[in-house]
Amino acid sequence: MKTKLKASNGENIAYIMAKHAEPDKVSDSPEEWLEEFNTFSIY
């Protein structure tokens, strides 16, 4: 089950930079964009 993420300010800035660099390849929202990364929680 995936949980909905809330992006932090740093993640929002990274999303804006990625969207500016490759607008056709980046998702329409920061949350969708973050879901594309295969990461795991350290907590």
PDB file of N, CA and C in Angstrom:
ATOM      1  N   MET A   1       0.836  -1.182   0.000  1.00  0.00           N
ATOM      2  CA  MET A   1       0.000   0.000   0.000  1.00  0.00           C
ATOM      3  C   MET A   1       0.878   1.242   0.000  1.00  0.00           C
ATOM      4  N   LYS A   2       0.642   2.128  -0.933  1.00  0.00           N
ATOM      5  CA  LYS A   2       1.408   3.364  -1.000  1.00  0.00           C
ATOM      6  C   LYS A   2       0.703   4.456  -0.210  1.00  0.00           C
ATOM      7  N   THR A   3       1.502   5.253   0.480  1.00  0.00           N
ATOM      8  CA  THR A   3       0.929   6.371   1.212  1.00  0.00           C
ATOM      9  C   THR A   3       1.159   7.652   0.427  1.00  0.00           C
ATOM     10  N   LYS A   4       0.270   8.598   0.599  1.00  0.00           N
ATOM     11  CA  LYS A   4       0.389   9.879  -0.079  1.00  0.00           C
ATOM     12  C   LYS A   4       1.476  10.698   0.601  1.00  0.00           C
ATOM     13  N   LEU A   5       2.421  11.193  -0.164  1.00  0.00           N
ATOM     14  CA  LEU A   5       3.519  11.977   0.381  1.00  0.00           C
ATOM     15  C   LEU A   5       3.206  13.459   0.327  1.00  0.00           C
ATOM     16  N   LYS A   6       3.699  14.191   1.286  1.00  0.00           N
ATOM     17  CA  LYS A   6       3.630  15.646   1.240  1.00  0.00           C
ATOM     18  C   LYS A   6       5.049  16.129   1.034  1.00  0.00           C
ATOM     19  N   ALA A   7       5.264  16.847  -0.040  1.00  0.00           N
ATOM     20  CA  ALA A   7       6.612  17.286  -0.402  1.00  0.00           C
ATOM     21  C   ALA A   7       7.085  18.413   0.523  1.00  0.00           C
ATOM     22  N   SER A   8       8.365  18.374   0.865  1.00  0.00           N
ATOM     23  CA  SER A   8       8.967  19.438   1.659  1.00  0.00           C
ATOM     24  C   SER A   8       9.421  20.559   0.731  1.00  0.00           C
ATOM     25  N   ASN A   9       9.870  21.648   1.292  1.00  0.00           N
ATOM     26  CA  ASN A   9      10.331  22.779   0.474  1.00  0.00           C
ATOM     27  C   ASN A   9      11.486  22.373  -0.434  1.00  0.00           C
ATOM     28  N   GLY A  10      12.422  21.588   0.071  1.00  0.00           N
ATOM     29  CA  GLY A  10      13.549  21.141  -0.748  1.00  0.00           C
ATOM     30  C   GLY A  10      13.095  20.261  -1.900  1.00  0.00           C
ATOM     31  N   GLU A  11      12.132  19.395  -1.635  1.00  0.00           N
ATOM     32  CA  GLU A  11      11.600  18.540  -2.689  1.00  0.00           C
ATOM     33  C   GLU A  11      10.850  19.361  -3.726  1.00  0.00           C
ATOM     34  N   ASN A  12      10.132  20.380  -3.285  1.00  0.00           N
ATOM     35  CA  ASN A  12       9.418  21.260  -4.218  1.00  0.00           C
ATOM     36  C   ASN A  12      10.390  22.011  -5.121  1.00  0.00           C
ATOM     37  N   ILE A  13      11.500  22.469  -4.554  1.00  0.00           N
ATOM     38  CA  ILE A  13      12.501  23.176  -5.350  1.00  0.00           C
ATOM     39  C   ILE A  13      13.125  22.234  -6.374  1.00  0.00           C
ATOM     40  N   ALA A  14      13.438  21.009  -5.951  1.00  0.00           N
ATOM     41  CA  ALA A  14      13.999  20.025  -6.880  1.00  0.00           C
ATOM     42  C   ALA A  14      13.004  19.714  -7.994  1.00  0.00           C
ATOM     43  N   TYR A  15      11.716  19.604  -7.648  1.00  0.00           N
ATOM     44  CA  TYR A  15      10.674  19.352  -8.653  1.00  0.00           C
ATOM     45  C   TYR A  15      10.609  20.497  -9.664  1.00  0.00           C
ATOM     46  N   ILE A  16      10.623  21.720  -9.187  1.00  0.00           N
ATOM     47  CA  ILE A  16      10.562  22.892 -10.082  1.00  0.00           C
ATOM     48  C   ILE A  16      11.756  22.904 -11.029  1.00  0.00           C
ATOM     49  N   MET A  17      12.941  22.592 -10.506  1.00  0.00           N
ATOM     50  CA  MET A  17      14.135  22.555 -11.351  1.00  0.00           C
ATOM     51  C   MET A  17      14.019  21.454 -12.406  1.00  0.00           C
ATOM     52  N   ALA A  18      13.544  20.270 -12.003  1.00  0.00           N
ATOM     53  CA  ALA A  18      13.387  19.163 -12.946  1.00  0.00           C
ATOM     54  C   ALA A  18      12.325  19.495 -13.987  1.00  0.00           C
ATOM     55  N   LYS A  19      11.218  20.085 -13.568  1.00  0.00           N
ATOM     56  CA  LYS A  19      10.129  20.438 -14.485  1.00  0.00           C
ATOM     57  C   LYS A  19      10.603  21.481 -15.487  1.00  0.00           C
ATOM     58  N   HIS A  20      11.420  22.403 -15.038  1.00  0.00           N
ATOM     59  CA  HIS A  20      11.967  23.437 -15.927  1.00  0.00           C
ATOM     60  C   HIS A  20      12.939  22.821 -16.941  1.00  0.00           C
ATOM     61  N   ALA A  21      13.739  21.863 -16.497  1.00  0.00           N
ATOM     62  CA  ALA A  21      14.745  21.253 -17.367  1.00  0.00           C
ATOM     63  C   ALA A  21      14.117  20.323 -18.407  1.00  0.00           C
ATOM     64  N   GLU A  22      13.135  19.519 -17.994  1.00  0.00           N
ATOM     65  CA  GLU A  22      12.514  18.536 -18.895  1.00  0.00           C
ATOM     66  C   GLU A  22      11.000  18.498 -18.668  1.00  0.00           C
ATOM     67  N   PRO A  23      10.280  19.510 -19.134  1.00  0.00           N
ATOM     68  CA  PRO A  23       8.841  19.589 -18.842  1.00  0.00           C
ATOM     69  C   PRO A  23       8.025  18.413 -19.367  1.00  0.00           C
ATOM     70  N   ASP A  24       8.443  17.791 -20.445  1.00  0.00           N
ATOM     71  CA  ASP A  24       7.676  16.677 -21.013  1.00  0.00           C
ATOM     72  C   ASP A  24       7.900  15.361 -20.288  1.00  0.00           C
ATOM     73  N   LYS A  25       8.985  15.249 -19.531  1.00  0.00           N
ATOM     74  CA  LYS A  25       9.332  13.988 -18.872  1.00  0.00           C
ATOM     75  C   LYS A  25       8.974  13.961 -17.388  1.00  0.00           C
ATOM     76  N   VAL A  26       8.613  15.111 -16.811  1.00  0.00           N
ATOM     77  CA  VAL A  26       8.348  15.200 -15.377  1.00  0.00           C
ATOM     78  C   VAL A  26       6.833  15.219 -15.143  1.00  0.00           C
ATOM     79  N   SER A  27       6.377  14.492 -14.125  1.00  0.00           N
ATOM     80  CA  SER A  27       4.953  14.415 -13.784  1.00  0.00           C
ATOM     81  C   SER A  27       4.369  15.791 -13.495  1.00  0.00           C
ATOM     82  N   ASP A  28       3.044  15.838 -13.442  1.00  0.00           N
ATOM     83  CA  ASP A  28       2.350  17.109 -13.251  1.00  0.00           C
ATOM     84  C   ASP A  28       2.326  17.612 -11.810  1.00  0.00           C
ATOM     85  N   SER A  29       2.685  16.774 -10.848  1.00  0.00           N
ATOM     86  CA  SER A  29       2.711  17.229  -9.455  1.00  0.00           C
ATOM     87  C   SER A  29       3.975  16.712  -8.764  1.00  0.00           C
ATOM     88  N   PRO A  30       4.445  17.417  -7.741  1.00  0.00           N
ATOM     89  CA  PRO A  30       5.634  16.956  -7.018  1.00  0.00           C
ATOM     90  C   PRO A  30       5.431  15.574  -6.396  1.00  0.00           C
ATOM     91  N   GLU A  31       4.227  15.300  -5.884  1.00  0.00           N
ATOM     92  CA  GLU A  31       3.964  14.009  -5.255  1.00  0.00           C
ATOM     93  C   GLU A  31       4.078  12.873  -6.263  1.00  0.00           C
ATOM     94  N   GLU A  32       3.513  13.043  -7.461  1.00  0.00           N
ATOM     95  CA  GLU A  32       3.622  12.023  -8.505  1.00  0.00           C
ATOM     96  C   GLU A  32       5.073  11.834  -8.918  1.00  0.00           C
ATOM     97  N   TRP A  33       5.803  12.932  -9.021  1.00  0.00           N
ATOM     98  CA  TRP A  33       7.211  12.883  -9.415  1.00  0.00           C
ATOM     99  C   TRP A  33       8.029  12.112  -8.385  1.00  0.00           C
ATOM    100  N   LEU A  34       7.777  12.362  -7.094  1.00  0.00           N
ATOM    101  CA  LEU A  34       8.516  11.671  -6.036  1.00  0.00           C
ATOM    102  C   LEU A  34       8.223  10.178  -6.023  1.00  0.00           C
ATOM    103  N   GLU A  35       7.007   9.784  -6.386  1.00  0.00           N
ATOM    104  CA  GLU A  35       6.640   8.365  -6.421  1.00  0.00           C
ATOM    105  C   GLU A  35       7.443   7.586  -7.454  1.00  0.00           C
ATOM    106  N   GLU A  36       8.024   8.274  -8.441  1.00  0.00           N
ATOM    107  CA  GLU A  36       8.800   7.614  -9.493  1.00  0.00           C
ATOM    108  C   GLU A  36      10.146   7.074  -8.982  1.00  0.00           C
ATOM    109  N   PHE A  37      10.618   7.589  -7.863  1.00  0.00           N
ATOM    110  CA  PHE A  37      11.904   7.171  -7.314  1.00  0.00           C
ATOM    111  C   PHE A  37      11.726   5.936  -6.445  1.00  0.00           C
ATOM    112  N   ASN A  38      12.623   4.980  -6.575  1.00  0.00           N
ATOM    113  CA  ASN A  38      12.610   3.783  -5.737  1.00  0.00           C
ATOM    114  C   ASN A  38      13.424   4.064  -4.494  1.00  0.00           C
ATOM    115  N   THR A  39      12.739   4.449  -3.428  1.00  0.00           N
ATOM    116  CA  THR A  39      13.418   4.760  -2.169  1.00  0.00           C
ATOM    117  C   THR A  39      12.802   3.940  -1.039  1.00  0.00           C
ATOM    118  N   PHE A  40      13.436   3.963   0.111  1.00  0.00           N
ATOM    119  CA  PHE A  40      12.914   3.268   1.269  1.00  0.00           C
ATOM    120  C   PHE A  40      13.079   4.147   2.493  1.00  0.00           C
ATOM    121  N   SER A  41      12.244   3.934   3.452  1.00  0.00           N
ATOM    122  CA  SER A  41      12.286   4.697   4.691  1.00  0.00           C
ATOM    123  C   SER A  41      13.405   4.185   5.589  1.00  0.00           C
ATOM    124  N   ILE A  42      14.090   5.082   6.248  1.00  0.00           N
ATOM    125  CA  ILE A  42      15.140   4.678   7.183  1.00  0.00           C
ATOM    126  C   ILE A  42      14.615   4.668   8.618  1.00  0.00           C
ATOM    127  N   TYR A  43      13.360   4.980   8.802  1.00  0.00           N
ATOM    128  CA  TYR A  43      12.770   5.018  10.139  1.00  0.00           C
ATOM    129  C   TYR A  43      12.064   3.742  10.458  1.00  0.00           C
TER     130      TYR A  43
END
